[in-house]
Amino acid sequence: MSEFQAILASVPGFAGAEVVERLADGPTNLSLRVEQGSRSFVLRVDKPEAARLGLNRKAELNVIEVIANAGLGTLPVHFDADAGIYLRPYRPGRTWTRADLLDEDKLERLAALLRELHALPPAGSAFKPLLAAGRYARQLGSTEAGNLFGQVASAYALIEPGPPALCHNDLVCQNILEDEKLTLIDWEYAGMGDPYFDLAIVVQHHELEEHLPRHFLAAYLQHQPDEKDLERLAKQRRFYAALLELWNLRVAL
């Protein structure tokens, strides 16, 4: 019996499930598609890095329950925060690429989904990116990491966060899934934070330039942004850019 079949055997009703496909292999976890009879599921198994990076699986479960109750996701079939095991129904669909985010109509759809997410009741824990950045820098322990953390902290000091809302906090295109509707996946960094951080990830990570950042922000706000709105997004973009550089150094460790 393989390691993953042994994990499935520990889940009630899944002793005979079969691993059929590896979906993703990231820094903190491995995701597999498994079949049980005629149904497909996604099994996520934590790696040791999940704990070292400070991920809070119990808070994540609370977020998943809130978004599922709002119709923005699905409830887990099995979730064991201590063991790092998460089993959910498989949703066939296409994950977005950067090309999708260059389409104005699709940006408007994403903006509408984020408005809906940010209006949900509080869930999870407070998202503290500066605290996470400090953890990364300490774990790296290098002069380069210390300098990068200084840039992160300087950029963060300029931000004037608005009222906290439930945010995804990892809005890279691979976490945007389109099937019969647009949904978000991978909620491990989700929590209460500044909605403009979500917007900044979309814009900065995918290098949206020219008119697209303003168009995306206008679609989200449902009115044309003023200078204060644009500056708020710009500050979060600078912060995310510095944080991403430190993150990339950390995951290469």
C-alpha atoms as a PDB file:
ATOM      1  CA  MET A   1       0.000   0.000   0.000  1.00  0.00           C
ATOM      2  CA  SER A   2       1.428   3.376  -1.002  1.00  0.00           C
ATOM      3  CA  GLU A   3       1.827   6.224   1.476  1.00  0.00           C
ATOM      4  CA  PHE A   4      -1.197   8.001   0.026  1.00  0.00           C
ATOM      5  CA  GLN A   5      -3.371   4.899  -0.033  1.00  0.00           C
ATOM      6  CA  ALA A   6      -2.530   4.477   3.638  1.00  0.00           C
ATOM      7  CA  ILE A   7      -3.690   8.047   4.248  1.00  0.00           C
ATOM      8  CA  LEU A   8      -6.910   7.388   2.353  1.00  0.00           C
ATOM      9  CA  ALA A   9      -7.450   4.214   4.344  1.00  0.00           C
ATOM     10  CA  SER A  10      -7.496   6.362   7.501  1.00  0.00           C
ATOM     11  CA  VAL A  11     -10.425   8.383   6.131  1.00  0.00           C
ATOM     12  CA  PRO A  12     -13.813   6.753   6.830  1.00  0.00           C
ATOM     13  CA  GLY A  13     -15.249   5.303   3.638  1.00  0.00           C
ATOM     14  CA  PHE A  14     -12.126   5.807   1.525  1.00  0.00           C
ATOM     15  CA  ALA A  15     -10.157   2.624   2.154  1.00  0.00           C
ATOM     16  CA  GLY A  16     -10.655   1.535  -1.463  1.00  0.00           C
ATOM     17  CA  ALA A  17     -10.029   4.904  -3.089  1.00  0.00           C
ATOM     18  CA  GLU A  18      -7.397   5.058  -5.820  1.00  0.00           C
ATOM     19  CA  VAL A  19      -4.870   7.803  -6.539  1.00  0.00           C
ATOM     20  CA  VAL A  20      -5.137   8.588 -10.264  1.00  0.00           C
ATOM     21  CA  GLU A  21      -3.314  11.871 -10.806  1.00  0.00           C
ATOM     22  CA  ARG A  22      -0.894  14.312  -9.192  1.00  0.00           C
ATOM     23  CA  LEU A  23      -2.418  17.775  -9.478  1.00  0.00           C
ATOM     24  CA  ALA A  24       0.093  20.058  -7.767  1.00  0.00           C
ATOM     25  CA  ASP A  25       3.325  19.827  -5.816  1.00  0.00           C
ATOM     26  CA  GLY A  26       3.938  23.079  -3.976  1.00  0.00           C
ATOM     27  CA  PRO A  27       6.188  24.255  -1.152  1.00  0.00           C
ATOM     28  CA  THR A  28       3.680  23.438   1.603  1.00  0.00           C
ATOM     29  CA  ASN A  29       1.626  20.525   0.289  1.00  0.00           C
ATOM     30  CA  LEU A  30       1.000  17.912  -2.363  1.00  0.00           C
ATOM     31  CA  SER A  31      -2.396  17.611  -4.068  1.00  0.00           C
ATOM     32  CA  LEU A  32      -3.667  14.441  -5.733  1.00  0.00           C
ATOM     33  CA  ARG A  33      -6.845  13.493  -7.547  1.00  0.00           C
ATOM     34  CA  VAL A  34      -8.363  10.330  -6.174  1.00  0.00           C
ATOM     35  CA  GLU A  35     -11.335   8.267  -7.288  1.00  0.00           C
ATOM     36  CA  GLN A  36     -13.850   6.471  -5.126  1.00  0.00           C
ATOM     37  CA  GLY A  37     -16.329   4.649  -7.281  1.00  0.00           C
ATOM     38  CA  SER A  38     -17.647   7.084  -9.874  1.00  0.00           C
ATOM     39  CA  ARG A  39     -16.688  10.190  -7.906  1.00  0.00           C
ATOM     40  CA  SER A  40     -13.454  12.186  -7.899  1.00  0.00           C
ATOM     41  CA  PHE A  41     -11.867  14.021  -4.985  1.00  0.00           C
ATOM     42  CA  VAL A  42      -8.788  16.106  -4.246  1.00  0.00           C
ATOM     43  CA  LEU A  43      -6.513  14.901  -1.472  1.00  0.00           C
ATOM     44  CA  ARG A  44      -4.134  17.517  -0.060  1.00  0.00           C
ATOM     45  CA  VAL A  45      -1.317  16.290   2.155  1.00  0.00           C
ATOM     46  CA  ASP A  46       0.843  18.721   4.081  1.00  0.00           C
ATOM     47  CA  LYS A  47       4.615  18.813   3.852  1.00  0.00           C
ATOM     48  CA  PRO A  48       6.749  19.815   6.876  1.00  0.00           C
ATOM     49  CA  GLU A  49       7.098  23.289   5.360  1.00  0.00           C
ATOM     50  CA  ALA A  50       3.448  24.013   6.152  1.00  0.00           C
ATOM     51  CA  ALA A  51       4.240  24.080   9.865  1.00  0.00           C
ATOM     52  CA  ARG A  52       7.569  25.870   9.410  1.00  0.00           C
ATOM     53  CA  LEU A  53       5.838  28.631   7.454  1.00  0.00           C
ATOM     54  CA  GLY A  54       3.252  29.064  10.197  1.00  0.00           C
ATOM     55  CA  LEU A  55       0.128  27.963   8.312  1.00  0.00           C
ATOM     56  CA  ASN A  56      -2.926  27.658  10.538  1.00  0.00           C
ATOM     57  CA  ARG A  57      -5.038  24.791   9.244  1.00  0.00           C
ATOM     58  CA  LYS A  58      -7.799  25.206  11.844  1.00  0.00           C
ATOM     59  CA  ALA A  59      -8.260  28.823  10.786  1.00  0.00           C
ATOM     60  CA  GLU A  60      -8.274  27.699   7.152  1.00  0.00           C
ATOM     61  CA  LEU A  61     -11.077  25.230   7.891  1.00  0.00           C
ATOM     62  CA  ASN A  62     -13.139  28.032   9.415  1.00  0.00           C
ATOM     63  CA  VAL A  63     -12.662  30.085   6.229  1.00  0.00           C
ATOM     64  CA  ILE A  64     -13.615  27.134   4.020  1.00  0.00           C
ATOM     65  CA  GLU A  65     -16.819  26.616   6.014  1.00  0.00           C
ATOM     66  CA  VAL A  66     -17.791  30.284   5.669  1.00  0.00           C
ATOM     67  CA  ILE A  67     -17.159  30.440   1.925  1.00  0.00           C
ATOM     68  CA  ALA A  68     -18.977  27.120   1.394  1.00  0.00           C
ATOM     69  CA  ASN A  69     -22.012  28.365   3.297  1.00  0.00           C
ATOM     70  CA  ALA A  70     -21.990  31.444   1.052  1.00  0.00           C
ATOM     71  CA  GLY A  71     -21.928  29.314  -2.093  1.00  0.00           C
ATOM     72  CA  LEU A  72     -18.352  30.284  -3.004  1.00  0.00           C
ATOM     73  CA  GLY A  73     -16.803  26.888  -2.348  1.00  0.00           C
ATOM     74  CA  THR A  74     -17.436  23.332  -1.174  1.00  0.00           C
ATOM     75  CA  LEU A  75     -17.272  21.791   2.269  1.00  0.00           C
ATOM     76  CA  PRO A  76     -14.517  19.258   2.942  1.00  0.00           C
ATOM     77  CA  VAL A  77     -15.266  15.568   2.918  1.00  0.00           C
ATOM     78  CA  HIS A  78     -12.544  15.194   5.549  1.00  0.00           C
ATOM     79  CA  PHE A  79     -10.275  17.742   7.228  1.00  0.00           C
ATOM     80  CA  ASP A  80      -7.690  16.796   9.853  1.00  0.00           C
ATOM     81  CA  ALA A  81      -5.775  19.937  10.773  1.00  0.00           C
ATOM     82  CA  ASP A  82      -3.352  18.125  13.075  1.00  0.00           C
ATOM     83  CA  ALA A  83      -2.463  15.449  10.523  1.00  0.00           C
ATOM     84  CA  GLY A  84      -2.394  17.899   7.614  1.00  0.00           C
ATOM     85  CA  ILE A  85      -4.970  15.995   5.551  1.00  0.00           C
ATOM     86  CA  TYR A  86      -7.705  17.688   3.515  1.00  0.00           C
ATOM     87  CA  LEU A  87     -10.102  15.838   1.223  1.00  0.00           C
ATOM     88  CA  ARG A  88     -12.673  17.687  -0.893  1.00  0.00           C
ATOM     89  CA  PRO A  89     -14.791  16.998  -3.976  1.00  0.00           C
ATOM     90  CA  TYR A  90     -12.905  17.467  -7.234  1.00  0.00           C
ATOM     91  CA  ARG A  91     -14.120  20.333  -9.415  1.00  0.00           C
ATOM     92  CA  PRO A  92     -13.251  19.900 -13.079  1.00  0.00           C
ATOM     93  CA  GLY A  93     -12.421  23.135 -14.764  1.00  0.00           C
ATOM     94  CA  ARG A  94      -9.672  25.291 -16.179  1.00  0.00           C
ATOM     95  CA  THR A  95      -7.311  27.304 -14.047  1.00  0.00           C
ATOM     96  CA  TRP A  96      -6.683  30.766 -15.367  1.00  0.00           C
ATOM     97  CA  THR A  97      -3.418  31.968 -16.856  1.00  0.00           C
ATOM     98  CA  ARG A  98      -2.007  35.469 -17.070  1.00  0.00           C
ATOM     99  CA  ALA A  99      -3.693  35.778 -20.485  1.00  0.00           C
ATOM    100  CA  ASP A 100      -7.102  35.614 -18.800  1.00  0.00           C
ATOM    101  CA  LEU A 101      -6.183  38.576 -16.624  1.00  0.00           C
ATOM    102  CA  LEU A 102      -5.413  40.658 -19.698  1.00  0.00           C
ATOM    103  CA  ASP A 103      -9.089  40.399 -20.697  1.00  0.00           C
ATOM    104  CA  GLU A 104     -11.185  43.299 -19.375  1.00  0.00           C
ATOM    105  CA  ASP A 105     -14.384  41.258 -19.177  1.00  0.00           C
ATOM    106  CA  LYS A 106     -12.674  38.540 -17.141  1.00  0.00           C
ATOM    107  CA  LEU A 107     -11.124  41.124 -14.827  1.00  0.00           C
ATOM    108  CA  GLU A 108     -14.627  42.456 -14.205  1.00  0.00           C
ATOM    109  CA  ARG A 109     -15.848  38.959 -13.324  1.00  0.00           C
ATOM    110  CA  LEU A 110     -12.974  38.498 -10.899  1.00  0.00           C
ATOM    111  CA  ALA A 111     -13.641  41.912  -9.352  1.00  0.00           C
ATOM    112  CA  ALA A 112     -17.277  40.953  -8.762  1.00  0.00           C
ATOM    113  CA  LEU A 113     -16.216  37.696  -7.109  1.00  0.00           C
ATOM    114  CA  LEU A 114     -13.810  39.561  -4.827  1.00  0.00           C
ATOM    115  CA  ARG A 115     -16.502  42.046  -3.820  1.00  0.00           C
ATOM    116  CA  GLU A 116     -18.635  39.081  -2.801  1.00  0.00           C
ATOM    117  CA  LEU A 117     -15.774  37.461  -0.878  1.00  0.00           C
ATOM    118  CA  HIS A 118     -14.823  40.669   0.933  1.00  0.00           C
ATOM    119  CA  ALA A 119     -18.426  41.152   2.090  1.00  0.00           C
ATOM    120  CA  LEU A 120     -18.599  37.788   3.893  1.00  0.00           C
ATOM    121  CA  PRO A 121     -18.656  37.513   7.695  1.00  0.00           C
ATOM    122  CA  PRO A 122     -15.304  37.433   9.511  1.00  0.00           C
ATOM    123  CA  ALA A 123     -13.543  34.077   9.390  1.00  0.00           C
ATOM    124  CA  GLY A 124     -10.175  32.522  10.088  1.00  0.00           C
ATOM    125  CA  SER A 125      -7.495  34.552  11.795  1.00  0.00           C
ATOM    126  CA  ALA A 126      -5.909  37.926  11.142  1.00  0.00           C
ATOM    127  CA  PHE A 127      -3.594  37.853   8.133  1.00  0.00           C
ATOM    128  CA  LYS A 128      -0.254  39.337   9.250  1.00  0.00           C
ATOM    129  CA  PRO A 129       2.080  39.473   6.243  1.00  0.00           C
ATOM    130  CA  LEU A 130       4.776  41.484   8.003  1.00  0.00           C
ATOM    131  CA  LEU A 131       4.952  38.875  10.766  1.00  0.00           C
ATOM    132  CA  ALA A 132       5.253  36.160   8.112  1.00  0.00           C
ATOM    133  CA  ALA A 133       8.005  38.118   6.347  1.00  0.00           C
ATOM    134  CA  GLY A 134       9.953  38.341   9.597  1.00  0.00           C
ATOM    135  CA  ARG A 135       9.666  34.559   9.982  1.00  0.00           C
ATOM    136  CA  TYR A 136      11.012  34.028   6.462  1.00  0.00           C
ATOM    137  CA  ALA A 137      13.952  36.341   7.075  1.00  0.00           C
ATOM    138  CA  ARG A 138      14.869  34.669  10.375  1.00  0.00           C
ATOM    139  CA  GLN A 139      14.704  31.216   8.811  1.00  0.00           C
ATOM    140  CA  LEU A 140      16.954  32.330   5.975  1.00  0.00           C
ATOM    141  CA  GLY A 141      19.356  34.062   8.341  1.00  0.00           C
ATOM    142  CA  SER A 142      21.302  35.803   5.580  1.00  0.00           C
ATOM    143  CA  THR A 143      22.292  39.406   5.003  1.00  0.00           C
ATOM    144  CA  GLU A 144      20.301  39.374   1.763  1.00  0.00           C
ATOM    145  CA  ALA A 145      17.199  38.212   3.609  1.00  0.00           C
ATOM    146  CA  GLY A 146      17.680  40.887   6.257  1.00  0.00           C
ATOM    147  CA  ASN A 147      17.957  43.572   3.608  1.00  0.00           C
ATOM    148  CA  LEU A 148      14.869  42.293   1.833  1.00  0.00           C
ATOM    149  CA  PHE A 149      12.923  42.276   5.079  1.00  0.00           C
ATOM    150  CA  GLY A 150      13.933  45.907   5.564  1.00  0.00           C
ATOM    151  CA  GLN A 151      12.412  46.718   2.172  1.00  0.00           C
ATOM    152  CA  VAL A 152       9.243  44.804   3.077  1.00  0.00           C
ATOM    153  CA  ALA A 153       8.932  46.634   6.399  1.00  0.00           C
ATOM    154  CA  SER A 154       9.533  50.030   4.791  1.00  0.00           C
ATOM    155  CA  ALA A 155       6.862  49.411   2.169  1.00  0.00           C
ATOM    156  CA  TYR A 156       4.423  48.136   4.799  1.00  0.00           C
ATOM    157  CA  ALA A 157       4.935  51.229   6.963  1.00  0.00           C
ATOM    158  CA  LEU A 158       3.471  53.395   4.189  1.00  0.00           C
ATOM    159  CA  ILE A 159       0.206  51.447   4.026  1.00  0.00           C
ATOM    160  CA  GLU A 160      -2.916  52.803   5.676  1.00  0.00           C
ATOM    161  CA  PRO A 161      -5.111  49.687   5.782  1.00  0.00           C
ATOM    162  CA  GLY A 162      -8.842  49.976   5.551  1.00  0.00           C
ATOM    163  CA  PRO A 163     -11.367  47.970   7.570  1.00  0.00           C
ATOM    164  CA  PRO A 164     -10.422  44.275   7.562  1.00  0.00           C
ATOM    165  CA  ALA A 165     -12.355  41.871   5.375  1.00  0.00           C
ATOM    166  CA  LEU A 166     -12.132  38.189   4.574  1.00  0.00           C
ATOM    167  CA  CYS A 167      -9.399  37.967   1.931  1.00  0.00           C
ATOM    168  CA  HIS A 168      -7.848  35.154  -0.072  1.00  0.00           C
ATOM    169  CA  ASN A 169      -4.290  36.558   0.147  1.00  0.00           C
ATOM    170  CA  ASP A 170      -2.851  34.295  -2.581  1.00  0.00           C
ATOM    171  CA  LEU A 171      -4.637  35.407  -5.734  1.00  0.00           C
ATOM    172  CA  VAL A 172      -2.260  34.038  -8.338  1.00  0.00           C
ATOM    173  CA  CYS A 173      -3.936  32.879 -11.524  1.00  0.00           C
ATOM    174  CA  GLN A 174      -3.422  29.191 -10.654  1.00  0.00           C
ATOM    175  CA  ASN A 175      -5.876  29.677  -7.778  1.00  0.00           C
ATOM    176  CA  ILE A 176      -8.659  30.957 -10.043  1.00  0.00           C
ATOM    177  CA  LEU A 177     -10.775  28.128 -11.429  1.00  0.00           C
ATOM    178  CA  GLU A 178     -13.390  28.408 -14.152  1.00  0.00           C
ATOM    179  CA  ASP A 179     -15.982  25.700 -14.718  1.00  0.00           C
ATOM    180  CA  GLU A 180     -19.685  26.541 -14.772  1.00  0.00           C
ATOM    181  CA  LYS A 181     -18.764  29.628 -12.773  1.00  0.00           C
ATOM    182  CA  LEU A 182     -15.689  31.416 -11.474  1.00  0.00           C
ATOM    183  CA  THR A 183     -14.340  30.175  -8.145  1.00  0.00           C
ATOM    184  CA  LEU A 184     -11.225  30.495  -6.021  1.00  0.00           C
ATOM    185  CA  ILE A 185      -9.240  27.561  -4.666  1.00  0.00           C
ATOM    186  CA  ASP A 186      -6.389  27.101  -2.179  1.00  0.00           C
ATOM    187  CA  TRP A 187      -7.438  29.023   0.942  1.00  0.00           C
ATOM    188  CA  GLU A 188      -4.415  28.278   3.130  1.00  0.00           C
ATOM    189  CA  TYR A 189      -3.371  31.942   3.453  1.00  0.00           C
ATOM    190  CA  ALA A 190      -6.908  33.312   3.715  1.00  0.00           C
ATOM    191  CA  GLY A 191      -7.915  35.429   6.676  1.00  0.00           C
ATOM    192  CA  MET A 192      -8.933  38.880   7.764  1.00  0.00           C
ATOM    193  CA  GLY A 193      -6.919  41.557   6.025  1.00  0.00           C
ATOM    194  CA  ASP A 194      -6.915  44.563   3.720  1.00  0.00           C
ATOM    195  CA  PRO A 195      -8.973  43.949   0.546  1.00  0.00           C
ATOM    196  CA  TYR A 196      -6.504  46.044  -1.422  1.00  0.00           C
ATOM    197  CA  PHE A 197      -3.837  43.415  -0.761  1.00  0.00           C
ATOM    198  CA  ASP A 198      -5.952  40.931  -2.751  1.00  0.00           C
ATOM    199  CA  LEU A 199      -6.296  43.476  -5.551  1.00  0.00           C
ATOM    200  CA  ALA A 200      -2.573  44.229  -5.490  1.00  0.00           C
ATOM    201  CA  ILE A 201      -1.647  40.555  -5.882  1.00  0.00           C
ATOM    202  CA  VAL A 202      -3.772  40.283  -9.016  1.00  0.00           C
ATOM    203  CA  VAL A 203      -2.210  43.401 -10.519  1.00  0.00           C
ATOM    204  CA  GLN A 204       1.401  43.087  -9.372  1.00  0.00           C
ATOM    205  CA  HIS A 205       1.963  39.335  -9.575  1.00  0.00           C
ATOM    206  CA  HIS A 206       0.671  39.200 -13.147  1.00  0.00           C
ATOM    207  CA  GLU A 207       2.311  42.461 -14.226  1.00  0.00           C
ATOM    208  CA  LEU A 208      -0.889  44.167 -15.326  1.00  0.00           C
ATOM    209  CA  GLU A 209       0.011  47.548 -16.735  1.00  0.00           C
ATOM    210  CA  GLU A 210      -1.332  50.418 -18.834  1.00  0.00           C
ATOM    211  CA  HIS A 211      -5.084  50.826 -18.244  1.00  0.00           C
ATOM    212  CA  LEU A 212      -5.763  47.419 -16.675  1.00  0.00           C
ATOM    213  CA  PRO A 213      -5.046  48.215 -12.992  1.00  0.00           C
ATOM    214  CA  ARG A 214      -7.401  51.203 -13.117  1.00  0.00           C
ATOM    215  CA  HIS A 215     -10.016  49.167 -14.990  1.00  0.00           C
ATOM    216  CA  PHE A 216      -9.819  46.342 -12.433  1.00  0.00           C
ATOM    217  CA  LEU A 217     -10.049  48.751  -9.502  1.00  0.00           C
ATOM    218  CA  ALA A 218     -13.005  50.574 -11.077  1.00  0.00           C
ATOM    219  CA  ALA A 219     -14.802  47.268 -11.608  1.00  0.00           C
ATOM    220  CA  TYR A 220     -14.186  46.329  -7.977  1.00  0.00           C
ATOM    221  CA  LEU A 221     -15.286  49.706  -6.569  1.00  0.00           C
ATOM    222  CA  GLN A 222     -18.128  50.039  -9.087  1.00  0.00           C
ATOM    223  CA  HIS A 223     -17.063  53.602  -9.755  1.00  0.00           C
ATOM    224  CA  GLN A 224     -14.019  55.322 -11.147  1.00  0.00           C
ATOM    225  CA  PRO A 225     -11.183  55.328  -8.580  1.00  0.00           C
ATOM    226  CA  ASP A 226      -9.924  58.637  -7.266  1.00  0.00           C
ATOM    227  CA  GLU A 227      -6.288  59.435  -6.503  1.00  0.00           C
ATOM    228  CA  LYS A 228      -6.596  58.100  -2.969  1.00  0.00           C
ATOM    229  CA  ASP A 229      -7.884  54.756  -4.275  1.00  0.00           C
ATOM    230  CA  LEU A 230      -5.078  54.522  -6.833  1.00  0.00           C
ATOM    231  CA  GLU A 231      -2.412  55.412  -4.261  1.00  0.00           C
ATOM    232  CA  ARG A 232      -3.772  52.831  -1.844  1.00  0.00           C
ATOM    233  CA  LEU A 233      -3.429  50.171  -4.551  1.00  0.00           C
ATOM    234  CA  ALA A 234       0.039  51.414  -5.515  1.00  0.00           C
ATOM    235  CA  LYS A 235       1.284  51.133  -1.915  1.00  0.00           C
ATOM    236  CA  GLN A 236      -0.005  47.582  -1.623  1.00  0.00           C
ATOM    237  CA  ARG A 237       1.637  46.728  -4.957  1.00  0.00           C
ATOM    238  CA  ARG A 238       5.018  47.959  -3.728  1.00  0.00           C
ATOM    239  CA  PHE A 239       4.598  45.985  -0.520  1.00  0.00           C
ATOM    240  CA  TYR A 240       3.612  42.809  -2.358  1.00  0.00           C
ATOM    241  CA  ALA A 241       6.547  43.138  -4.773  1.00  0.00           C
ATOM    242  CA  ALA A 242       9.012  43.266  -1.871  1.00  0.00           C
ATOM    243  CA  LEU A 243       7.248  40.460  -0.011  1.00  0.00           C
ATOM    244  CA  LEU A 244       7.251  38.242  -3.109  1.00  0.00           C
ATOM    245  CA  GLU A 245      10.994  38.662  -3.533  1.00  0.00           C
ATOM    246  CA  LEU A 246      11.571  37.540   0.051  1.00  0.00           C
ATOM    247  CA  TRP A 247       9.073  34.669  -0.351  1.00  0.00           C
ATOM    248  CA  ASN A 248      10.831  33.408  -3.486  1.00  0.00           C
ATOM    249  CA  LEU A 249      14.117  33.380  -1.595  1.00  0.00           C
ATOM    250  CA  ARG A 250      12.516  31.475   1.286  1.00  0.00           C
ATOM    251  CA  VAL A 251      10.900  28.723  -0.799  1.00  0.00           C
ATOM    252  CA  ALA A 252      14.206  28.160  -2.583  1.00  0.00           C
ATOM    253  CA  LEU A 253      15.797  27.290   0.779  1.00  0.00           C
END
